[in-house]
Amino acid sequence: MADRYLTVSQVAELLGTTERFPRPLIAERRIVFVKVGRHVRIPESALNTFIDAHTVQPIGHRRSSLRRAA
């Protein structure tokens, strides 16, 4: 299946941010992008990879060594 190429505004919308968030990611080359002339497109798979790499997993329940005072 072919990858869908997203504009900066589409990426921002999917992330729930403004366009000011993805632009530095592109400028600092922290996300994969494609140049089409002077336009920038981000493959949907690259966005998913970026999200996966920056997803923080919850910490499992840890037992406290301190007991609660009654």
C-alpha atoms as a PDB file:
ATOM      1  CA  MET A   1       0.000   0.000   0.000  1.00  0.00           C
ATOM      2  CA  ALA A   2       1.333   3.458  -0.897  1.00  0.00           C
ATOM      3  CA  ASP A   3       2.305   5.848   1.849  1.00  0.00           C
ATOM      4  CA  ARG A   4       0.251   9.020   2.220  1.00  0.00           C
ATOM      5  CA  TYR A   5       2.253  12.261   2.201  1.00  0.00           C
ATOM      6  CA  LEU A   6       1.067  14.906   4.644  1.00  0.00           C
ATOM      7  CA  THR A   7       1.494  18.664   4.635  1.00  0.00           C
ATOM      8  CA  VAL A   8       2.850  20.469   7.683  1.00  0.00           C
ATOM      9  CA  SER A   9      -0.658  21.653   8.546  1.00  0.00           C
ATOM     10  CA  GLN A  10      -2.037  18.094   8.294  1.00  0.00           C
ATOM     11  CA  VAL A  11       0.732  16.827  10.601  1.00  0.00           C
ATOM     12  CA  ALA A  12      -0.006  19.603  13.082  1.00  0.00           C
ATOM     13  CA  GLU A  13      -3.707  18.764  12.994  1.00  0.00           C
ATOM     14  CA  LEU A  14      -3.054  15.049  13.580  1.00  0.00           C
ATOM     15  CA  LEU A  15      -0.762  15.872  16.516  1.00  0.00           C
ATOM     16  CA  GLY A  16      -3.198  18.420  17.922  1.00  0.00           C
ATOM     17  CA  THR A  17      -0.656  21.245  17.710  1.00  0.00           C
ATOM     18  CA  THR A  18      -0.044  24.339  15.647  1.00  0.00           C
ATOM     19  CA  GLU A  19       2.240  24.380  12.614  1.00  0.00           C
ATOM     20  CA  ARG A  20       4.967  25.824  14.831  1.00  0.00           C
ATOM     21  CA  PHE A  21       5.582  22.370  16.342  1.00  0.00           C
ATOM     22  CA  PRO A  22       6.416  20.270  13.234  1.00  0.00           C
ATOM     23  CA  ARG A  23       8.452  22.982  11.498  1.00  0.00           C
ATOM     24  CA  PRO A  24      11.475  22.747  13.874  1.00  0.00           C
ATOM     25  CA  LEU A  25      11.299  18.937  13.636  1.00  0.00           C
ATOM     26  CA  ILE A  26      11.792  19.331   9.898  1.00  0.00           C
ATOM     27  CA  ALA A  27      14.435  22.058  10.170  1.00  0.00           C
ATOM     28  CA  GLU A  28      16.444  20.045  12.727  1.00  0.00           C
ATOM     29  CA  ARG A  29      15.897  16.842  10.690  1.00  0.00           C
ATOM     30  CA  ARG A  30      14.319  15.052  13.632  1.00  0.00           C
ATOM     31  CA  ILE A  31      11.598  13.584  11.404  1.00  0.00           C
ATOM     32  CA  VAL A  32      11.772  12.089   7.910  1.00  0.00           C
ATOM     33  CA  PHE A  33      10.435  14.383   5.201  1.00  0.00           C
ATOM     34  CA  VAL A  34      10.308  14.655   1.406  1.00  0.00           C
ATOM     35  CA  LYS A  35      11.029  17.819  -0.548  1.00  0.00           C
ATOM     36  CA  VAL A  36       8.773  18.307  -3.545  1.00  0.00           C
ATOM     37  CA  GLY A  37      10.178  21.430  -5.134  1.00  0.00           C
ATOM     38  CA  ARG A  38      10.006  23.937  -2.311  1.00  0.00           C
ATOM     39  CA  HIS A  39       7.175  22.066  -0.588  1.00  0.00           C
ATOM     40  CA  VAL A  40       7.726  19.705   2.330  1.00  0.00           C
ATOM     41  CA  ARG A  41       5.735  16.516   2.809  1.00  0.00           C
ATOM     42  CA  ILE A  42       5.962  14.050   5.670  1.00  0.00           C
ATOM     43  CA  PRO A  43       5.169  10.392   4.974  1.00  0.00           C
ATOM     44  CA  GLU A  44       2.427   9.099   7.268  1.00  0.00           C
ATOM     45  CA  SER A  45       4.675   6.159   8.217  1.00  0.00           C
ATOM     46  CA  ALA A  46       7.397   8.615   9.321  1.00  0.00           C
ATOM     47  CA  LEU A  47       4.898  10.421  11.542  1.00  0.00           C
ATOM     48  CA  ASN A  48       3.819   7.103  13.075  1.00  0.00           C
ATOM     49  CA  THR A  49       7.471   6.166  13.658  1.00  0.00           C
ATOM     50  CA  PHE A  50       8.113   9.542  15.311  1.00  0.00           C
ATOM     51  CA  ILE A  51       5.077   9.110  17.570  1.00  0.00           C
ATOM     52  CA  ASP A  52       6.114   5.558  18.513  1.00  0.00           C
ATOM     53  CA  ALA A  53       9.665   6.673  19.322  1.00  0.00           C
ATOM     54  CA  HIS A  54       8.402   9.444  21.609  1.00  0.00           C
ATOM     55  CA  THR A  55       5.632   7.526  23.347  1.00  0.00           C
ATOM     56  CA  VAL A  56       6.276   7.161  27.067  1.00  0.00           C
ATOM     57  CA  GLN A  57       5.031   3.921  28.560  1.00  0.00           C
ATOM     58  CA  PRO A  58       3.482   3.991  32.052  1.00  0.00           C
ATOM     59  CA  ILE A  59       5.414   2.605  34.971  1.00  0.00           C
ATOM     60  CA  GLY A  60       3.910  -0.523  36.454  1.00  0.00           C
ATOM     61  CA  HIS A  61       2.527  -0.450  39.969  1.00  0.00           C
ATOM     62  CA  ARG A  62       5.415  -0.298  42.417  1.00  0.00           C
ATOM     63  CA  ARG A  63       5.066  -1.415  45.982  1.00  0.00           C
ATOM     64  CA  SER A  64       6.169   1.199  48.405  1.00  0.00           C
ATOM     65  CA  SER A  65       8.629   0.209  51.086  1.00  0.00           C
ATOM     66  CA  LEU A  66       7.051   2.773  53.398  1.00  0.00           C
ATOM     67  CA  ARG A  67       3.845   1.903  55.126  1.00  0.00           C
ATOM     68  CA  ARG A  68       1.059   4.337  55.670  1.00  0.00           C
ATOM     69  CA  ALA A  69       0.449   5.682  59.108  1.00  0.00           C
ATOM     70  CA  ALA A  70      -2.998   4.810  60.446  1.00  0.00           C
END
